[in-house]
């Protein structure tokens, strides 16, 4: 599976270049999420601009990425979901727990707000 990784100062964007996230593609993305989590990148954006379809394995992948980012104080955001994927997320009630943004710009704003909030909480707790 082809995908690109765009590294930014406080986050990375992973963009799969496939139309379907199946078990094989999900396994590759899972490995990438685990690697990124291990090396300390806590904010991940998954840009689904090319993806039109997924199955239960793809949905579980989103839950895993969310938990990995959350475990290190970060945030996981899904971006550019097509209507079919958005319906899947809503039907499985994951729209209540996963962060979803309409664009990369909105995702970036969410990440910076999350980082500011984390820094503010750290300053109060010190």
PDB file of N, CA and C in Angstrom:
ATOM      1  N   UNK A   1       0.843  -1.179   0.000  1.00  0.00           N
ATOM      2  CA  UNK A   1       0.000   0.000   0.000  1.00  0.00           C
ATOM      3  C   UNK A   1       0.885   1.237   0.000  1.00  0.00           C
ATOM      4  N   UNK A   2       0.519   2.191  -0.816  1.00  0.00           N
ATOM      5  CA  UNK A   2       1.234   3.456  -0.845  1.00  0.00           C
ATOM      6  C   UNK A   2       0.565   4.438   0.099  1.00  0.00           C
ATOM      7  N   UNK A   3       1.394   5.186   0.818  1.00  0.00           N
ATOM      8  CA  UNK A   3       0.893   6.271   1.643  1.00  0.00           C
ATOM      9  C   UNK A   3       2.019   7.279   1.832  1.00  0.00           C
ATOM     10  N   UNK A   4       1.648   8.494   2.139  1.00  0.00           N
ATOM     11  CA  UNK A   4       2.639   9.515   2.402  1.00  0.00           C
ATOM     12  C   UNK A   4       2.533   9.968   3.848  1.00  0.00           C
ATOM     13  N   UNK A   5       3.664  10.429   4.352  1.00  0.00           N
ATOM     14  CA  UNK A   5       3.717  10.978   5.705  1.00  0.00           C
ATOM     15  C   UNK A   5       4.281  12.383   5.590  1.00  0.00           C
ATOM     16  N   UNK A   6       3.530  13.315   6.088  1.00  0.00           N
ATOM     17  CA  UNK A   6       3.938  14.719   6.070  1.00  0.00           C
ATOM     18  C   UNK A   6       4.185  15.137   7.514  1.00  0.00           C
ATOM     19  N   UNK A   7       5.438  15.389   7.845  1.00  0.00           N
ATOM     20  CA  UNK A   7       5.808  15.743   9.219  1.00  0.00           C
ATOM     21  C   UNK A   7       5.733  17.246   9.409  1.00  0.00           C
ATOM     22  N   UNK A   8       5.090  17.631  10.481  1.00  0.00           N
ATOM     23  CA  UNK A   8       4.990  19.027  10.882  1.00  0.00           C
ATOM     24  C   UNK A   8       5.596  19.166  12.268  1.00  0.00           C
ATOM     25  N   UNK A   9       5.635  20.372  12.767  1.00  0.00           N
ATOM     26  CA  UNK A   9       6.275  20.630  14.047  1.00  0.00           C
ATOM     27  C   UNK A   9       5.640  19.846  15.198  1.00  0.00           C
ATOM     28  N   UNK A  10       4.337  19.858  15.284  1.00  0.00           N
ATOM     29  CA  UNK A  10       3.651  19.231  16.420  1.00  0.00           C
ATOM     30  C   UNK A  10       2.762  18.041  16.047  1.00  0.00           C
ATOM     31  N   UNK A  11       2.768  17.671  14.788  1.00  0.00           N
ATOM     32  CA  UNK A  11       1.909  16.574  14.348  1.00  0.00           C
ATOM     33  C   UNK A  11       2.419  16.005  13.032  1.00  0.00           C
ATOM     34  N   UNK A  12       1.856  14.836  12.674  1.00  0.00           N
ATOM     35  CA  UNK A  12       2.131  14.244  11.364  1.00  0.00           C
ATOM     36  C   UNK A  12       0.798  13.962  10.673  1.00  0.00           C
ATOM     37  N   UNK A  13       0.853  13.981   9.355  1.00  0.00           N
ATOM     38  CA  UNK A  13      -0.311  13.630   8.546  1.00  0.00           C
ATOM     39  C   UNK A  13       0.039  12.377   7.758  1.00  0.00           C
ATOM     40  N   UNK A  14      -0.769  11.350   7.927  1.00  0.00           N
ATOM     41  CA  UNK A  14      -0.615  10.113   7.157  1.00  0.00           C
ATOM     42  C   UNK A  14      -1.754  10.074   6.145  1.00  0.00           C
ATOM     43  N   UNK A  15      -1.390   9.931   4.877  1.00  0.00           N
ATOM     44  CA  UNK A  15      -2.386   9.949   3.802  1.00  0.00           C
ATOM     45  C   UNK A  15      -2.276   8.662   2.982  1.00  0.00           C
ATOM     46  N   UNK A  16      -3.186   7.703   3.204  1.00  0.00           N
ATOM     47  CA  UNK A  16      -3.179   6.487   2.382  1.00  0.00           C
ATOM     48  C   UNK A  16      -3.591   6.806   0.947  1.00  0.00           C
ATOM     49  N   UNK A  17      -2.888   6.209   0.000  1.00  0.00           N
ATOM     50  CA  UNK A  17      -3.199   6.412  -1.423  1.00  0.00           C
ATOM     51  C   UNK A  17      -3.906   5.179  -1.977  1.00  0.00           C
ATOM     52  N   UNK A  18      -4.978   4.797  -1.313  1.00  0.00           N
ATOM     53  CA  UNK A  18      -5.797   3.655  -1.724  1.00  0.00           C
ATOM     54  C   UNK A  18      -7.263   4.044  -1.609  1.00  0.00           C
ATOM     55  N   UNK A  19      -8.112   3.327  -2.343  1.00  0.00           N
ATOM     56  CA  UNK A  19      -9.548   3.586  -2.249  1.00  0.00           C
ATOM     57  C   UNK A  19     -10.210   2.768  -1.146  1.00  0.00           C
ATOM     58  N   UNK A  20      -9.578   1.653  -0.766  1.00  0.00           N
ATOM     59  CA  UNK A  20     -10.163   0.754   0.229  1.00  0.00           C
ATOM     60  C   UNK A  20      -9.147   0.460   1.325  1.00  0.00           C
ATOM     61  N   UNK A  21      -9.557   0.642   2.570  1.00  0.00           N
ATOM     62  CA  UNK A  21      -8.746   0.207   3.704  1.00  0.00           C
ATOM     63  C   UNK A  21      -9.283  -1.165   4.084  1.00  0.00           C
ATOM     64  N   UNK A  22      -8.562  -2.196   3.662  1.00  0.00           N
ATOM     65  CA  UNK A  22      -8.932  -3.566   3.997  1.00  0.00           C
ATOM     66  C   UNK A  22      -7.977  -4.069   5.074  1.00  0.00           C
ATOM     67  N   UNK A  23      -8.032  -5.358   5.395  1.00  0.00           N
ATOM     68  CA  UNK A  23      -7.209  -5.914   6.472  1.00  0.00           C
ATOM     69  C   UNK A  23      -5.716  -5.731   6.196  1.00  0.00           C
ATOM     70  N   UNK A  24      -5.294  -5.942   4.969  1.00  0.00           N
ATOM     71  CA  UNK A  24      -3.876  -5.807   4.632  1.00  0.00           C
ATOM     72  C   UNK A  24      -3.403  -4.357   4.777  1.00  0.00           C
ATOM     73  N   UNK A  25      -4.179  -3.424   4.246  1.00  0.00           N
ATOM     74  CA  UNK A  25      -3.815  -2.010   4.354  1.00  0.00           C
ATOM     75  C   UNK A  25      -3.881  -1.530   5.800  1.00  0.00           C
ATOM     76  N   UNK A  26      -4.866  -2.009   6.539  1.00  0.00           N
ATOM     77  CA  UNK A  26      -5.002  -1.622   7.941  1.00  0.00           C
ATOM     78  C   UNK A  26      -3.801  -2.097   8.744  1.00  0.00           C
ATOM     79  N   UNK A  27      -3.288  -3.287   8.444  1.00  0.00           N
ATOM     80  CA  UNK A  27      -2.119  -3.812   9.158  1.00  0.00           C
ATOM     81  C   UNK A  27      -0.901  -2.911   8.927  1.00  0.00           C
ATOM     82  N   UNK A  28      -0.735  -2.431   7.713  1.00  0.00           N
ATOM     83  CA  UNK A  28       0.396  -1.538   7.412  1.00  0.00           C
ATOM     84  C   UNK A  28       0.241  -0.206   8.140  1.00  0.00           C
ATOM     85  N   UNK A  29      -0.963   0.330   8.145  1.00  0.00           N
ATOM     86  CA  UNK A  29      -1.193   1.582   8.856  1.00  0.00           C
ATOM     87  C   UNK A  29      -1.033   1.404  10.364  1.00  0.00           C
ATOM     88  N   UNK A  30      -1.466   0.269  10.870  1.00  0.00           N
ATOM     89  CA  UNK A  30      -1.309  -0.020  12.296  1.00  0.00           C
ATOM     90  C   UNK A  30       0.168  -0.001  12.674  1.00  0.00           C
ATOM     91  N   UNK A  31       0.990  -0.622  11.852  1.00  0.00           N
ATOM     92  CA  UNK A  31       2.428  -0.607  12.098  1.00  0.00           C
ATOM     93  C   UNK A  31       2.980   0.809  12.121  1.00  0.00           C
ATOM     94  N   UNK A  32       2.507   1.629  11.219  1.00  0.00           N
ATOM     95  CA  UNK A  32       2.955   3.028  11.162  1.00  0.00           C
ATOM     96  C   UNK A  32       2.508   3.787  12.406  1.00  0.00           C
ATOM     97  N   UNK A  33       1.272   3.571  12.860  1.00  0.00           N
ATOM     98  CA  UNK A  33       0.781   4.227  14.074  1.00  0.00           C
ATOM     99  C   UNK A  33       1.613   3.811  15.280  1.00  0.00           C
ATOM    100  N   UNK A  34       1.892   2.515  15.389  1.00  0.00           N
ATOM    101  CA  UNK A  34       2.685   2.018  16.521  1.00  0.00           C
ATOM    102  C   UNK A  34       4.093   2.608  16.493  1.00  0.00           C
ATOM    103  N   UNK A  35       4.696   2.663  15.320  1.00  0.00           N
ATOM    104  CA  UNK A  35       6.033   3.247  15.190  1.00  0.00           C
ATOM    105  C   UNK A  35       6.021   4.706  15.607  1.00  0.00           C
ATOM    106  N   UNK A  36       5.072   5.456  15.103  1.00  0.00           N
ATOM    107  CA  UNK A  36       4.995   6.879  15.416  1.00  0.00           C
ATOM    108  C   UNK A  36       4.767   7.110  16.906  1.00  0.00           C
ATOM    109  N   UNK A  37       3.960   6.279  17.510  1.00  0.00           N
ATOM    110  CA  UNK A  37       3.700   6.377  18.937  1.00  0.00           C
ATOM    111  C   UNK A  37       4.976   6.071  19.727  1.00  0.00           C
ATOM    112  N   UNK A  38       5.717   5.053  19.300  1.00  0.00           N
ATOM    113  CA  UNK A  38       6.945   4.646  19.984  1.00  0.00           C
ATOM    114  C   UNK A  38       8.011   5.734  19.945  1.00  0.00           C
ATOM    115  N   UNK A  39       8.090   6.466  18.832  1.00  0.00           N
ATOM    116  CA  UNK A  39       9.119   7.499  18.726  1.00  0.00           C
ATOM    117  C   UNK A  39       8.651   8.856  19.255  1.00  0.00           C
ATOM    118  N   UNK A  40       7.474   8.879  19.863  1.00  0.00           N
ATOM    119  CA  UNK A  40       7.036  10.072  20.573  1.00  0.00           C
ATOM    120  C   UNK A  40       6.196  11.069  19.793  1.00  0.00           C
ATOM    121  N   UNK A  41       5.742  10.711  18.618  1.00  0.00           N
ATOM    122  CA  UNK A  41       4.848  11.609  17.891  1.00  0.00           C
ATOM    123  C   UNK A  41       3.434  11.348  18.376  1.00  0.00           C
ATOM    124  N   UNK A  42       2.910  12.291  19.128  1.00  0.00           N
ATOM    125  CA  UNK A  42       1.647  12.037  19.812  1.00  0.00           C
ATOM    126  C   UNK A  42       0.412  12.547  19.092  1.00  0.00           C
ATOM    127  N   UNK A  43       0.567  13.417  18.113  1.00  0.00           N
ATOM    128  CA  UNK A  43      -0.570  13.958  17.373  1.00  0.00           C
ATOM    129  C   UNK A  43      -0.528  13.445  15.937  1.00  0.00           C
ATOM    130  N   UNK A  44      -1.564  12.702  15.553  1.00  0.00           N
ATOM    131  CA  UNK A  44      -1.612  12.091  14.226  1.00  0.00           C
ATOM    132  C   UNK A  44      -2.914  12.475  13.532  1.00  0.00           C
ATOM    133  N   UNK A  45      -2.774  12.886  12.277  1.00  0.00           N
ATOM    134  CA  UNK A  45      -3.928  13.158  11.420  1.00  0.00           C
ATOM    135  C   UNK A  45      -3.927  12.097  10.331  1.00  0.00           C
ATOM    136  N   UNK A  46      -5.046  11.425  10.158  1.00  0.00           N
ATOM    137  CA  UNK A  46      -5.208  10.444   9.085  1.00  0.00           C
ATOM    138  C   UNK A  46      -6.091  11.082   8.018  1.00  0.00           C
ATOM    139  N   UNK A  47      -5.459  11.439   6.901  1.00  0.00           N
ATOM    140  CA  UNK A  47      -6.171  12.104   5.807  1.00  0.00           C
ATOM    141  C   UNK A  47      -6.755  11.043   4.875  1.00  0.00           C
ATOM    142  N   UNK A  48      -8.063  10.942   4.847  1.00  0.00           N
ATOM    143  CA  UNK A  48      -8.769   9.901   4.106  1.00  0.00           C
ATOM    144  C   UNK A  48      -9.271  10.406   2.746  1.00  0.00           C
ATOM    145  N   UNK A  49      -8.597  11.379   2.185  1.00  0.00           N
ATOM    146  CA  UNK A  49      -9.034  12.010   0.937  1.00  0.00           C
ATOM    147  C   UNK A  49      -9.206  11.015  -0.209  1.00  0.00           C
ATOM    148  N   UNK A  50      -8.385   9.964  -0.269  1.00  0.00           N
ATOM    149  CA  UNK A  50      -8.457   8.995  -1.364  1.00  0.00           C
ATOM    150  C   UNK A  50      -9.320   7.776  -1.021  1.00  0.00           C
ATOM    151  N   UNK A  51      -9.626   7.585   0.252  1.00  0.00           N
ATOM    152  CA  UNK A  51     -10.308   6.371   0.714  1.00  0.00           C
ATOM    153  C   UNK A  51     -11.819   6.515   0.547  1.00  0.00           C
ATOM    154  N   UNK A  52     -12.413   5.527  -0.094  1.00  0.00           N
ATOM    155  CA  UNK A  52     -13.852   5.523  -0.328  1.00  0.00           C
ATOM    156  C   UNK A  52     -14.586   4.465   0.486  1.00  0.00           C
ATOM    157  N   UNK A  53     -13.829   3.486   0.998  1.00  0.00           N
ATOM    158  CA  UNK A  53     -14.485   2.348   1.641  1.00  0.00           C
ATOM    159  C   UNK A  53     -13.546   1.715   2.664  1.00  0.00           C
ATOM    160  N   UNK A  54     -14.128   1.184   3.712  1.00  0.00           N
ATOM    161  CA  UNK A  54     -13.390   0.394   4.697  1.00  0.00           C
ATOM    162  C   UNK A  54     -14.350  -0.611   5.299  1.00  0.00           C
ATOM    163  N   UNK A  55     -13.807  -1.463   6.148  1.00  0.00           N
ATOM    164  CA  UNK A  55     -14.642  -2.446   6.832  1.00  0.00           C
ATOM    165  C   UNK A  55     -14.395  -2.337   8.334  1.00  0.00           C
ATOM    166  N   UNK A  56     -14.806  -3.337   9.064  1.00  0.00           N
ATOM    167  CA  UNK A  56     -14.658  -3.322  10.520  1.00  0.00           C
ATOM    168  C   UNK A  56     -13.203  -3.180  10.941  1.00  0.00           C
ATOM    169  N   UNK A  57     -12.295  -3.771  10.186  1.00  0.00           N
ATOM    170  CA  UNK A  57     -10.871  -3.686  10.507  1.00  0.00           C
ATOM    171  C   UNK A  57     -10.405  -2.227  10.435  1.00  0.00           C
ATOM    172  N   UNK A  58     -10.860  -1.511   9.439  1.00  0.00           N
ATOM    173  CA  UNK A  58     -10.510  -0.099   9.313  1.00  0.00           C
ATOM    174  C   UNK A  58     -11.071   0.743  10.448  1.00  0.00           C
ATOM    175  N   UNK A  59     -12.262   0.420  10.877  1.00  0.00           N
ATOM    176  CA  UNK A  59     -12.875   1.122  12.005  1.00  0.00           C
ATOM    177  C   UNK A  59     -12.069   0.874  13.275  1.00  0.00           C
ATOM    178  N   UNK A  60     -11.677  -0.380  13.499  1.00  0.00           N
ATOM    179  CA  UNK A  60     -10.863  -0.703  14.680  1.00  0.00           C
ATOM    180  C   UNK A  60      -9.518   0.005  14.638  1.00  0.00           C
ATOM    181  N   UNK A  61      -8.996   0.204  13.446  1.00  0.00           N
ATOM    182  CA  UNK A  61      -7.735   0.915  13.283  1.00  0.00           C
ATOM    183  C   UNK A  61      -7.856   2.340  13.821  1.00  0.00           C
ATOM    184  N   UNK A  62      -8.955   2.991  13.527  1.00  0.00           N
ATOM    185  CA  UNK A  62      -9.185   4.332  14.054  1.00  0.00           C
ATOM    186  C   UNK A  62      -9.254   4.358  15.566  1.00  0.00           C
ATOM    187  N   UNK A  63      -9.883   3.357  16.144  1.00  0.00           N
ATOM    188  CA  UNK A  63      -9.978   3.268  17.607  1.00  0.00           C
ATOM    189  C   UNK A  63      -8.588   3.067  18.207  1.00  0.00           C
ATOM    190  N   UNK A  64      -7.789   2.188  17.596  1.00  0.00           N
ATOM    191  CA  UNK A  64      -6.426   1.951  18.074  1.00  0.00           C
ATOM    192  C   UNK A  64      -5.599   3.231  18.010  1.00  0.00           C
ATOM    193  N   UNK A  65      -5.647   3.932  16.888  1.00  0.00           N
ATOM    194  CA  UNK A  65      -4.874   5.164  16.735  1.00  0.00           C
ATOM    195  C   UNK A  65      -5.307   6.200  17.776  1.00  0.00           C
ATOM    196  N   UNK A  66      -6.596   6.295  18.001  1.00  0.00           N
ATOM    197  CA  UNK A  66      -7.126   7.214  19.014  1.00  0.00           C
ATOM    198  C   UNK A  66      -6.543   6.878  20.391  1.00  0.00           C
ATOM    199  N   UNK A  67      -6.554   5.613  20.748  1.00  0.00           N
ATOM    200  CA  UNK A  67      -6.048   5.196  22.062  1.00  0.00           C
ATOM    201  C   UNK A  67      -4.541   5.409  22.186  1.00  0.00           C
ATOM    202  N   UNK A  68      -3.806   5.129  21.114  1.00  0.00           N
ATOM    203  CA  UNK A  68      -2.357   5.340  21.147  1.00  0.00           C
ATOM    204  C   UNK A  68      -2.020   6.811  21.381  1.00  0.00           C
ATOM    205  N   UNK A  69      -2.664   7.678  20.634  1.00  0.00           N
ATOM    206  CA  UNK A  69      -2.406   9.111  20.786  1.00  0.00           C
ATOM    207  C   UNK A  69      -2.832   9.600  22.169  1.00  0.00           C
ATOM    208  N   UNK A  70      -3.975   9.147  22.611  1.00  0.00           N
ATOM    209  CA  UNK A  70      -4.499   9.560  23.907  1.00  0.00           C
ATOM    210  C   UNK A  70      -3.587   9.100  25.049  1.00  0.00           C
ATOM    211  N   UNK A  71      -2.976   7.929  24.902  1.00  0.00           N
ATOM    212  CA  UNK A  71      -2.130   7.382  25.972  1.00  0.00           C
ATOM    213  C   UNK A  71      -0.885   8.231  26.231  1.00  0.00           C
ATOM    214  N   UNK A  72      -0.481   9.027  25.253  1.00  0.00           N
ATOM    215  CA  UNK A  72       0.691   9.893  25.427  1.00  0.00           C
ATOM    216  C   UNK A  72       0.302  11.380  25.438  1.00  0.00           C
ATOM    217  N   UNK A  73      -0.968  11.652  25.686  1.00  0.00           N
ATOM    218  CA  UNK A  73      -1.432  13.022  25.800  1.00  0.00           C
ATOM    219  C   UNK A  73      -1.661  13.724  24.477  1.00  0.00           C
ATOM    220  N   UNK A  74      -1.767  12.943  23.406  1.00  0.00           N
ATOM    221  CA  UNK A  74      -1.957  13.523  22.085  1.00  0.00           C
ATOM    222  C   UNK A  74      -3.383  13.406  21.595  1.00  0.00           C
ATOM    223  N   UNK A  75      -3.524  13.643  20.302  1.00  0.00           N
ATOM    224  CA  UNK A  75      -4.845  13.644  19.683  1.00  0.00           C
ATOM    225  C   UNK A  75      -4.748  12.980  18.301  1.00  0.00           C
ATOM    226  N   UNK A  76      -5.764  12.199  17.965  1.00  0.00           N
ATOM    227  CA  UNK A  76      -5.880  11.561  16.660  1.00  0.00           C
ATOM    228  C   UNK A  76      -7.086  12.168  15.958  1.00  0.00           C
ATOM    229  N   UNK A  77      -6.885  12.575  14.698  1.00  0.00           N
ATOM    230  CA  UNK A  77      -7.960  13.227  13.954  1.00  0.00           C
ATOM    231  C   UNK A  77      -8.113  12.580  12.585  1.00  0.00           C
ATOM    232  N   UNK A  78      -9.340  12.263  12.232  1.00  0.00           N
ATOM    233  CA  UNK A  78      -9.686  11.812  10.880  1.00  0.00           C
ATOM    234  C   UNK A  78     -10.084  13.023  10.057  1.00  0.00           C
ATOM    235  N   UNK A  79      -9.586  13.087   8.825  1.00  0.00           N
ATOM    236  CA  UNK A  79      -9.841  14.243   7.971  1.00  0.00           C
ATOM    237  C   UNK A  79     -10.315  13.780   6.602  1.00  0.00           C
ATOM    238  N   UNK A  80     -11.151  14.588   5.982  1.00  0.00           N
ATOM    239  CA  UNK A  80     -11.614  14.374   4.612  1.00  0.00           C
ATOM    240  C   UNK A  80     -12.329  13.031   4.418  1.00  0.00           C
ATOM    241  N   UNK A  81     -13.262  12.734   5.306  1.00  0.00           N
ATOM    242  CA  UNK A  81     -14.054  11.509   5.163  1.00  0.00           C
ATOM    243  C   UNK A  81     -15.117  11.703   4.086  1.00  0.00           C
ATOM    244  N   UNK A  82     -15.216  10.746   3.187  1.00  0.00           N
ATOM    245  CA  UNK A  82     -16.289  10.783   2.188  1.00  0.00           C
ATOM    246  C   UNK A  82     -17.617  10.486   2.900  1.00  0.00           C
ATOM    247  N   UNK A  83     -18.736  10.782   2.275  1.00  0.00           N
ATOM    248  CA  UNK A  83     -20.035  10.551   2.934  1.00  0.00           C
ATOM    249  C   UNK A  83     -20.243   9.107   3.399  1.00  0.00           C
ATOM    250  N   UNK A  84     -19.801   8.128   2.614  1.00  0.00           N
ATOM    251  CA  UNK A  84     -19.989   6.726   3.017  1.00  0.00           C
ATOM    252  C   UNK A  84     -19.213   6.406   4.283  1.00  0.00           C
ATOM    253  N   UNK A  85     -17.972   6.898   4.383  1.00  0.00           N
ATOM    254  CA  UNK A  85     -17.175   6.654   5.588  1.00  0.00           C
ATOM    255  C   UNK A  85     -17.747   7.411   6.780  1.00  0.00           C
ATOM    256  N   UNK A  86     -18.208   8.615   6.547  1.00  0.00           N
ATOM    257  CA  UNK A  86     -18.808   9.391   7.630  1.00  0.00           C
ATOM    258  C   UNK A  86     -20.047   8.683   8.169  1.00  0.00           C
ATOM    259  N   UNK A  87     -20.848   8.096   7.284  1.00  0.00           N
ATOM    260  CA  UNK A  87     -22.018   7.324   7.711  1.00  0.00           C
ATOM    261  C   UNK A  87     -21.597   6.127   8.558  1.00  0.00           C
ATOM    262  N   UNK A  88     -20.532   5.434   8.151  1.00  0.00           N
ATOM    263  CA  UNK A  88     -20.032   4.291   8.936  1.00  0.00           C
ATOM    264  C   UNK A  88     -19.625   4.723  10.335  1.00  0.00           C
ATOM    265  N   UNK A  89     -18.935   5.843  10.416  1.00  0.00           N
ATOM    266  CA  UNK A  89     -18.481   6.353  11.710  1.00  0.00           C
ATOM    267  C   UNK A  89     -19.682   6.706  12.583  1.00  0.00           C
ATOM    268  N   UNK A  90     -20.685   7.326  11.987  1.00  0.00           N
ATOM    269  CA  UNK A  90     -21.884   7.696  12.751  1.00  0.00           C
ATOM    270  C   UNK A  90     -22.667   6.465  13.210  1.00  0.00           C
ATOM    271  N   UNK A  91     -22.834   5.497  12.311  1.00  0.00           N
ATOM    272  CA  UNK A  91     -23.586   4.285  12.648  1.00  0.00           C
ATOM    273  C   UNK A  91     -22.920   3.534  13.801  1.00  0.00           C
ATOM    274  N   UNK A  92     -21.601   3.532  13.812  1.00  0.00           N
ATOM    275  CA  UNK A  92     -20.882   2.840  14.887  1.00  0.00           C
ATOM    276  C   UNK A  92     -20.690   3.738  16.111  1.00  0.00           C
ATOM    277  N   UNK A  93     -21.270   4.939  16.085  1.00  0.00           N
ATOM    278  CA  UNK A  93     -21.236   5.908  17.187  1.00  0.00           C
ATOM    279  C   UNK A  93     -19.818   6.363  17.534  1.00  0.00           C
ATOM    280  N   UNK A  94     -18.893   6.239  16.608  1.00  0.00           N
ATOM    281  CA  UNK A  94     -17.528   6.679  16.857  1.00  0.00           C
ATOM    282  C   UNK A  94     -17.362   8.183  16.682  1.00  0.00           C
ATOM    283  N   UNK A  95     -18.370   8.822  16.115  1.00  0.00           N
ATOM    284  CA  UNK A  95     -18.312  10.280  15.983  1.00  0.00           C
ATOM    285  C   UNK A  95     -18.348  10.947  17.354  1.00  0.00           C
ATOM    286  N   UNK A  96     -18.731  10.195  18.378  1.00  0.00           N
ATOM    287  CA  UNK A  96     -18.766  10.715  19.747  1.00  0.00           C
ATOM    288  C   UNK A  96     -17.390  10.681  20.400  1.00  0.00           C
ATOM    289  N   UNK A  97     -16.517   9.756  19.974  1.00  0.00           N
ATOM    290  CA  UNK A  97     -15.212   9.629  20.615  1.00  0.00           C
ATOM    291  C   UNK A  97     -14.038  10.016  19.724  1.00  0.00           C
ATOM    292  N   UNK A  98     -14.168   9.839  18.421  1.00  0.00           N
ATOM    293  CA  UNK A  98     -13.083  10.200  17.515  1.00  0.00           C
ATOM    294  C   UNK A  98     -13.225  11.653  17.086  1.00  0.00           C
ATOM    295  N   UNK A  99     -12.100  12.318  16.923  1.00  0.00           N
ATOM    296  CA  UNK A  99     -12.106  13.680  16.387  1.00  0.00           C
ATOM    297  C   UNK A  99     -12.164  13.586  14.867  1.00  0.00           C
ATOM    298  N   UNK A 100     -13.067  14.336  14.275  1.00  0.00           N
ATOM    299  CA  UNK A 100     -13.238  14.347  12.826  1.00  0.00           C
ATOM    300  C   UNK A 100     -13.219  15.800  12.368  1.00  0.00           C
ATOM    301  N   UNK A 101     -12.421  16.062  11.340  1.00  0.00           N
ATOM    302  CA  UNK A 101     -12.329  17.422  10.810  1.00  0.00           C
ATOM    303  C   UNK A 101     -12.608  17.405   9.318  1.00  0.00           C
ATOM    304  N   UNK A 102     -13.151  18.488   8.832  1.00  0.00           N
ATOM    305  CA  UNK A 102     -13.493  18.585   7.415  1.00  0.00           C
ATOM    306  C   UNK A 102     -12.279  18.852   6.543  1.00  0.00           C
ATOM    307  N   UNK A 103     -11.220  19.428   7.133  1.00  0.00           N
ATOM    308  CA  UNK A 103     -10.036  19.774   6.347  1.00  0.00           C
ATOM    309  C   UNK A 103      -8.783  19.683   7.217  1.00  0.00           C
ATOM    310  N   UNK A 104      -7.642  19.701   6.556  1.00  0.00           N
ATOM    311  CA  UNK A 104      -6.372  19.695   7.281  1.00  0.00           C
ATOM    312  C   UNK A 104      -6.205  20.959   8.112  1.00  0.00           C
ATOM    313  N   UNK A 105      -6.689  22.079   7.630  1.00  0.00           N
ATOM    314  CA  UNK A 105      -6.600  23.336   8.372  1.00  0.00           C
ATOM    315  C   UNK A 105      -7.374  23.246   9.682  1.00  0.00           C
ATOM    316  N   UNK A 106      -8.565  22.691   9.623  1.00  0.00           N
ATOM    317  CA  UNK A 106      -9.364  22.532  10.841  1.00  0.00           C
ATOM    318  C   UNK A 106      -8.663  21.577  11.803  1.00  0.00           C
ATOM    319  N   UNK A 107      -8.083  20.498  11.282  1.00  0.00           N
ATOM    320  CA  UNK A 107      -7.344  19.552  12.119  1.00  0.00           C
ATOM    321  C   UNK A 107      -6.163  20.233  12.793  1.00  0.00           C
ATOM    322  N   UNK A 108      -5.446  21.038  12.039  1.00  0.00           N
ATOM    323  CA  UNK A 108      -4.307  21.765  12.598  1.00  0.00           C
ATOM    324  C   UNK A 108      -4.758  22.677  13.737  1.00  0.00           C
ATOM    325  N   UNK A 109      -5.862  23.364  13.554  1.00  0.00           N
ATOM    326  CA  UNK A 109      -6.395  24.230  14.608  1.00  0.00           C
ATOM    327  C   UNK A 109      -6.760  23.426  15.855  1.00  0.00           C
ATOM    328  N   UNK A 110      -7.360  22.248  15.664  1.00  0.00           N
ATOM    329  CA  UNK A 110      -7.703  21.386  16.796  1.00  0.00           C
ATOM    330  C   UNK A 110      -6.451  20.936  17.547  1.00  0.00           C
ATOM    331  N   UNK A 111      -5.403  20.610  16.801  1.00  0.00           N
ATOM    332  CA  UNK A 111      -4.160  20.164  17.428  1.00  0.00           C
ATOM    333  C   UNK A 111      -3.530  21.292  18.239  1.00  0.00           C
ATOM    334  N   UNK A 112      -3.454  22.474  17.664  1.00  0.00           N
ATOM    335  CA  UNK A 112      -2.855  23.590  18.387  1.00  0.00           C
ATOM    336  C   UNK A 112      -3.672  23.951  19.627  1.00  0.00           C
ATOM    337  N   UNK A 113      -4.980  23.887  19.539  1.00  0.00           N
ATOM    338  CA  UNK A 113      -5.826  24.135  20.710  1.00  0.00           C
ATOM    339  C   UNK A 113      -5.573  23.071  21.780  1.00  0.00           C
ATOM    340  N   UNK A 114      -5.451  21.815  21.354  1.00  0.00           N
ATOM    341  CA  UNK A 114      -5.175  20.723  22.288  1.00  0.00           C
ATOM    342  C   UNK A 114      -3.815  20.924  22.968  1.00  0.00           C
ATOM    343  N   UNK A 115      -2.814  21.312  22.185  1.00  0.00           N
ATOM    344  CA  UNK A 115      -1.469  21.548  22.729  1.00  0.00           C
ATOM    345  C   UNK A 115      -1.479  22.709  23.728  1.00  0.00           C
ATOM    346  N   UNK A 116      -2.169  23.778  23.406  1.00  0.00           N
ATOM    347  CA  UNK A 116      -2.258  24.917  24.329  1.00  0.00           C
ATOM    348  C   UNK A 116      -2.938  24.512  25.632  1.00  0.00           C
ATOM    349  N   UNK A 117      -4.001  23.750  25.504  1.00  0.00           N
ATOM    350  CA  UNK A 117      -4.717  23.285  26.692  1.00  0.00           C
ATOM    351  C   UNK A 117      -3.822  22.398  27.548  1.00  0.00           C
ATOM    352  N   UNK A 118      -3.057  21.512  26.906  1.00  0.00           N
ATOM    353  CA  UNK A 118      -2.149  20.633  27.641  1.00  0.00           C
ATOM    354  C   UNK A 118      -1.066  21.429  28.355  1.00  0.00           C
ATOM    355  N   UNK A 119      -0.504  22.428  27.673  1.00  0.00           N
ATOM    356  CA  UNK A 119       0.515  23.272  28.293  1.00  0.00           C
ATOM    357  C   UNK A 119      -0.065  24.069  29.452  1.00  0.00           C
ATOM    358  N   UNK A 120      -1.286  24.559  29.292  1.00  0.00           N
ATOM    359  CA  UNK A 120      -1.950  25.323  30.348  1.00  0.00           C
ATOM    360  C   UNK A 120      -2.196  24.439  31.570  1.00  0.00           C
ATOM    361  N   UNK A 121      -2.674  23.227  31.345  1.00  0.00           N
ATOM    362  CA  UNK A 121      -2.904  22.299  32.462  1.00  0.00           C
ATOM    363  C   UNK A 121      -1.597  21.978  33.168  1.00  0.00           C
ATOM    364  N   UNK A 122      -0.516  21.789  32.418  1.00  0.00           N
ATOM    365  CA  UNK A 122       0.787  21.512  33.002  1.00  0.00           C
ATOM    366  C   UNK A 122       1.275  22.667  33.851  1.00  0.00           C
ATOM    367  N   UNK A 123       1.041  23.893  33.406  1.00  0.00           N
ATOM    368  CA  UNK A 123       1.458  25.078  34.164  1.00  0.00           C
ATOM    369  C   UNK A 123       0.678  25.194  35.464  1.00  0.00           C
ATOM    370  N   UNK A 124      -0.596  24.827  35.445  1.00  0.00           N
ATOM    371  CA  UNK A 124      -1.429  24.911  36.652  1.00  0.00           C
ATOM    372  C   UNK A 124      -1.018  23.835  37.652  1.00  0.00           C
ATOM    373  N   UNK A 125      -0.687  22.642  37.163  1.00  0.00           N
ATOM    374  CA  UNK A 125      -0.360  21.521  38.040  1.00  0.00           C
ATOM    375  C   UNK A 125       1.026  21.655  38.677  1.00  0.00           C
ATOM    376  N   UNK A 126       1.898  22.483  38.100  1.00  0.00           N
ATOM    377  CA  UNK A 126       3.259  22.649  38.651  1.00  0.00           C
ATOM    378  C   UNK A 126       3.281  23.382  39.932  1.00  0.00           C
TER     379      UNK A 126
END
